[in-house]
Amino acid sequence: MKSNMAPPETGDSTAARPEYHGTYETEENDLKNNFMKMIEALIKEKKTSLKEMEEKMNKTLEEINKSLKETKKVKKKKTIKEASLVKKARVGQDEPAKPPLSPLSEKQLVRIQRNKARALLRLATRNVPAGFG
């Protein structure tokens, strides 16, 4: 009679489905791993791109600095050449170059000229002969 009896129930209802549960976890882990690999590849690609951009920028800066140095050299040579031409022109003159007459600045000289003109105008208006003013 015991052969017709149903097997005793264990009380664990999940024991009948372990293969499905493991499959979902495996798929989920595979997806996570693939996603992480994609992120790592993207990060690596971005780092490479940034490094290339930095190298290009450094190369451009070097070219600009080189061009700037060359321009400064050319300008310096031109200035030296012009200065030597001015010296030659002065040597050819009969009169030596005159030093400035006054140690005053240009601004001070202009102010003095203006005040002088005002003073002369005041003086002229005071000494006007009778009948002219």
C-alpha atoms as a PDB file:
ATOM      1  CA  MET A   1       0.000   0.000   0.000  1.00  0.00           C
ATOM      2  CA  LYS A   2       2.793   2.265   0.460  1.00  0.00           C
ATOM      3  CA  SER A   3       3.555   2.220  -3.224  1.00  0.00           C
ATOM      4  CA  ASN A   4       0.345   4.058  -4.074  1.00  0.00           C
ATOM      5  CA  MET A   5       1.049   6.881  -1.718  1.00  0.00           C
ATOM      6  CA  ALA A   6       2.103  10.247  -2.914  1.00  0.00           C
ATOM      7  CA  PRO A   7       5.551  11.420  -2.011  1.00  0.00           C
ATOM      8  CA  PRO A   8       5.654  13.396   1.210  1.00  0.00           C
ATOM      9  CA  GLU A   9       5.637  17.172   0.755  1.00  0.00           C
ATOM     10  CA  THR A  10       8.693  18.969   1.964  1.00  0.00           C
ATOM     11  CA  GLY A  11       7.185  22.364   2.721  1.00  0.00           C
ATOM     12  CA  ASP A  12       9.727  24.123   0.467  1.00  0.00           C
ATOM     13  CA  SER A  13       7.791  25.358  -2.524  1.00  0.00           C
ATOM     14  CA  THR A  14      10.843  26.899  -4.289  1.00  0.00           C
ATOM     15  CA  ALA A  15      12.713  23.663  -4.526  1.00  0.00           C
ATOM     16  CA  ALA A  16      10.769  22.750  -7.638  1.00  0.00           C
ATOM     17  CA  ARG A  17      12.118  25.851  -9.590  1.00  0.00           C
ATOM     18  CA  PRO A  18      15.847  26.245  -8.885  1.00  0.00           C
ATOM     19  CA  GLU A  19      16.818  26.115 -12.562  1.00  0.00           C
ATOM     20  CA  TYR A  20      14.712  29.168 -13.511  1.00  0.00           C
ATOM     21  CA  HIS A  21      15.922  31.225 -10.602  1.00  0.00           C
ATOM     22  CA  GLY A  22      19.558  30.499 -11.429  1.00  0.00           C
ATOM     23  CA  THR A  23      18.979  31.331 -15.091  1.00  0.00           C
ATOM     24  CA  TYR A  24      17.643  34.802 -14.302  1.00  0.00           C
ATOM     25  CA  GLU A  25      20.548  35.527 -11.964  1.00  0.00           C
ATOM     26  CA  THR A  26      23.000  34.347 -14.607  1.00  0.00           C
ATOM     27  CA  GLU A  27      21.390  36.539 -17.261  1.00  0.00           C
ATOM     28  CA  GLU A  28      21.326  39.494 -14.892  1.00  0.00           C
ATOM     29  CA  ASN A  29      25.001  39.003 -14.037  1.00  0.00           C
ATOM     30  CA  ASP A  30      25.855  38.700 -17.732  1.00  0.00           C
ATOM     31  CA  LEU A  31      24.002  41.947 -18.454  1.00  0.00           C
ATOM     32  CA  LYS A  32      25.776  43.691 -15.593  1.00  0.00           C
ATOM     33  CA  ASN A  33      29.144  42.420 -16.789  1.00  0.00           C
ATOM     34  CA  ASN A  34      28.440  43.502 -20.365  1.00  0.00           C
ATOM     35  CA  PHE A  35      27.254  46.904 -19.176  1.00  0.00           C
ATOM     36  CA  MET A  36      30.376  47.356 -17.036  1.00  0.00           C
ATOM     37  CA  LYS A  37      32.578  46.369 -19.978  1.00  0.00           C
ATOM     38  CA  MET A  38      30.783  48.900 -22.175  1.00  0.00           C
ATOM     39  CA  ILE A  39      31.266  51.622 -19.560  1.00  0.00           C
ATOM     40  CA  GLU A  40      34.950  50.743 -19.155  1.00  0.00           C
ATOM     41  CA  ALA A  41      35.419  50.820 -22.936  1.00  0.00           C
ATOM     42  CA  LEU A  42      33.685  54.203 -23.113  1.00  0.00           C
ATOM     43  CA  ILE A  43      35.862  55.591 -20.325  1.00  0.00           C
ATOM     44  CA  LYS A  44      38.992  54.283 -22.044  1.00  0.00           C
ATOM     45  CA  GLU A  45      37.858  55.807 -25.354  1.00  0.00           C
ATOM     46  CA  LYS A  46      37.204  59.192 -23.707  1.00  0.00           C
ATOM     47  CA  LYS A  47      40.603  59.159 -21.993  1.00  0.00           C
ATOM     48  CA  THR A  48      42.267  58.395 -25.316  1.00  0.00           C
ATOM     49  CA  SER A  49      40.309  61.186 -26.992  1.00  0.00           C
ATOM     50  CA  LEU A  50      41.255  63.670 -24.264  1.00  0.00           C
ATOM     51  CA  LYS A  51      44.896  62.643 -24.517  1.00  0.00           C
ATOM     52  CA  GLU A  52      44.847  63.188 -28.299  1.00  0.00           C
ATOM     53  CA  MET A  53      43.219  66.598 -27.830  1.00  0.00           C
ATOM     54  CA  GLU A  54      45.861  67.549 -25.266  1.00  0.00           C
ATOM     55  CA  GLU A  55      48.660  66.481 -27.609  1.00  0.00           C
ATOM     56  CA  LYS A  56      47.163  68.518 -30.470  1.00  0.00           C
ATOM     57  CA  MET A  57      46.786  71.534 -28.203  1.00  0.00           C
ATOM     58  CA  ASN A  58      50.388  71.247 -26.987  1.00  0.00           C
ATOM     59  CA  LYS A  59      51.603  70.964 -30.575  1.00  0.00           C
ATOM     60  CA  THR A  60      49.596  74.053 -31.562  1.00  0.00           C
ATOM     61  CA  LEU A  61      50.995  75.977 -28.588  1.00  0.00           C
ATOM     62  CA  GLU A  62      54.527  75.003 -29.574  1.00  0.00           C
ATOM     63  CA  GLU A  63      53.904  76.228 -33.123  1.00  0.00           C
ATOM     64  CA  ILE A  64      52.467  79.518 -31.838  1.00  0.00           C
ATOM     65  CA  ASN A  65      55.420  80.030 -29.488  1.00  0.00           C
ATOM     66  CA  LYS A  66      57.852  79.259 -32.301  1.00  0.00           C
ATOM     67  CA  SER A  67      56.093  81.738 -34.591  1.00  0.00           C
ATOM     68  CA  LEU A  68      56.109  84.357 -31.836  1.00  0.00           C
ATOM     69  CA  LYS A  69      59.853  83.920 -31.276  1.00  0.00           C
ATOM     70  CA  GLU A  70      60.514  84.239 -34.999  1.00  0.00           C
ATOM     71  CA  THR A  71      58.385  87.387 -35.166  1.00  0.00           C
ATOM     72  CA  LYS A  72      60.265  88.882 -32.213  1.00  0.00           C
ATOM     73  CA  LYS A  73      63.598  88.094 -33.876  1.00  0.00           C
ATOM     74  CA  VAL A  74      62.503  89.720 -37.138  1.00  0.00           C
ATOM     75  CA  LYS A  75      61.186  92.771 -35.293  1.00  0.00           C
ATOM     76  CA  LYS A  76      64.387  93.072 -33.277  1.00  0.00           C
ATOM     77  CA  LYS A  77      66.518  92.854 -36.438  1.00  0.00           C
ATOM     78  CA  LYS A  78      64.320  95.465 -38.118  1.00  0.00           C
ATOM     79  CA  THR A  79      64.609  97.799 -35.111  1.00  0.00           C
ATOM     80  CA  ILE A  80      68.390  97.397 -35.022  1.00  0.00           C
ATOM     81  CA  LYS A  81      68.588  98.078 -38.745  1.00  0.00           C
ATOM     82  CA  GLU A  82      66.421 101.201 -38.434  1.00  0.00           C
ATOM     83  CA  ALA A  83      68.487 102.443 -35.486  1.00  0.00           C
ATOM     84  CA  SER A  84      71.697 102.008 -37.457  1.00  0.00           C
ATOM     85  CA  LEU A  85      70.162 103.923 -40.393  1.00  0.00           C
ATOM     86  CA  VAL A  86      69.196 106.770 -38.045  1.00  0.00           C
ATOM     87  CA  LYS A  87      72.725 106.863 -36.626  1.00  0.00           C
ATOM     88  CA  LYS A  88      74.185 106.953 -40.139  1.00  0.00           C
ATOM     89  CA  ALA A  89      71.833 109.787 -41.059  1.00  0.00           C
ATOM     90  CA  ARG A  90      72.869 111.759 -37.957  1.00  0.00           C
ATOM     91  CA  VAL A  91      76.548 111.223 -38.672  1.00  0.00           C
ATOM     92  CA  GLY A  92      76.005 112.628 -42.159  1.00  0.00           C
ATOM     93  CA  GLN A  93      74.487 115.852 -40.766  1.00  0.00           C
ATOM     94  CA  ASP A  94      76.626 118.932 -40.123  1.00  0.00           C
ATOM     95  CA  GLU A  95      75.040 119.606 -36.754  1.00  0.00           C
ATOM     96  CA  PRO A  96      75.162 117.086 -33.966  1.00  0.00           C
ATOM     97  CA  ALA A  97      71.866 116.015 -32.505  1.00  0.00           C
ATOM     98  CA  LYS A  98      70.622 118.596 -30.014  1.00  0.00           C
ATOM     99  CA  PRO A  99      69.752 117.490 -26.514  1.00  0.00           C
ATOM    100  CA  PRO A 100      66.334 118.483 -25.245  1.00  0.00           C
ATOM    101  CA  LEU A 101      66.199 122.091 -24.087  1.00  0.00           C
ATOM    102  CA  SER A 102      64.185 121.426 -20.970  1.00  0.00           C
ATOM    103  CA  PRO A 103      63.924 118.544 -18.547  1.00  0.00           C
ATOM    104  CA  LEU A 104      60.166 119.204 -18.387  1.00  0.00           C
ATOM    105  CA  SER A 105      57.704 116.721 -19.761  1.00  0.00           C
ATOM    106  CA  GLU A 106      55.650 117.390 -22.877  1.00  0.00           C
ATOM    107  CA  LYS A 107      52.530 117.836 -20.759  1.00  0.00           C
ATOM    108  CA  GLN A 108      54.233 120.455 -18.593  1.00  0.00           C
ATOM    109  CA  LEU A 109      55.463 122.343 -21.651  1.00  0.00           C
ATOM    110  CA  VAL A 110      51.946 122.426 -23.125  1.00  0.00           C
ATOM    111  CA  ARG A 111      50.549 123.776 -19.861  1.00  0.00           C
ATOM    112  CA  ILE A 112      53.195 126.503 -19.773  1.00  0.00           C
ATOM    113  CA  GLN A 113      52.410 127.498 -23.383  1.00  0.00           C
ATOM    114  CA  ARG A 114      48.693 127.703 -22.569  1.00  0.00           C
ATOM    115  CA  ASN A 115      49.284 129.855 -19.478  1.00  0.00           C
ATOM    116  CA  LYS A 116      51.627 132.097 -21.456  1.00  0.00           C
ATOM    117  CA  ALA A 117      48.962 132.633 -24.136  1.00  0.00           C
ATOM    118  CA  ARG A 118      46.348 133.501 -21.496  1.00  0.00           C
ATOM    119  CA  ALA A 119      48.673 135.972 -19.799  1.00  0.00           C
ATOM    120  CA  LEU A 120      49.462 137.674 -23.102  1.00  0.00           C
ATOM    121  CA  LEU A 121      45.747 137.932 -23.894  1.00  0.00           C
ATOM    122  CA  ARG A 122      45.010 139.544 -20.504  1.00  0.00           C
ATOM    123  CA  LEU A 123      47.892 141.943 -20.916  1.00  0.00           C
ATOM    124  CA  ALA A 124      46.762 142.910 -24.402  1.00  0.00           C
ATOM    125  CA  THR A 125      43.176 143.598 -23.272  1.00  0.00           C
ATOM    126  CA  ARG A 126      44.367 145.877 -20.435  1.00  0.00           C
ATOM    127  CA  ASN A 127      46.690 147.982 -22.598  1.00  0.00           C
ATOM    128  CA  VAL A 128      44.177 148.726 -25.324  1.00  0.00           C
ATOM    129  CA  PRO A 129      44.371 152.379 -26.451  1.00  0.00           C
ATOM    130  CA  ALA A 130      41.284 154.487 -25.854  1.00  0.00           C
ATOM    131  CA  GLY A 131      38.648 154.071 -28.515  1.00  0.00           C
ATOM    132  CA  PHE A 132      39.578 150.447 -29.321  1.00  0.00           C
ATOM    133  CA  GLY A 133      37.774 148.708 -26.613  1.00  0.00           C
END
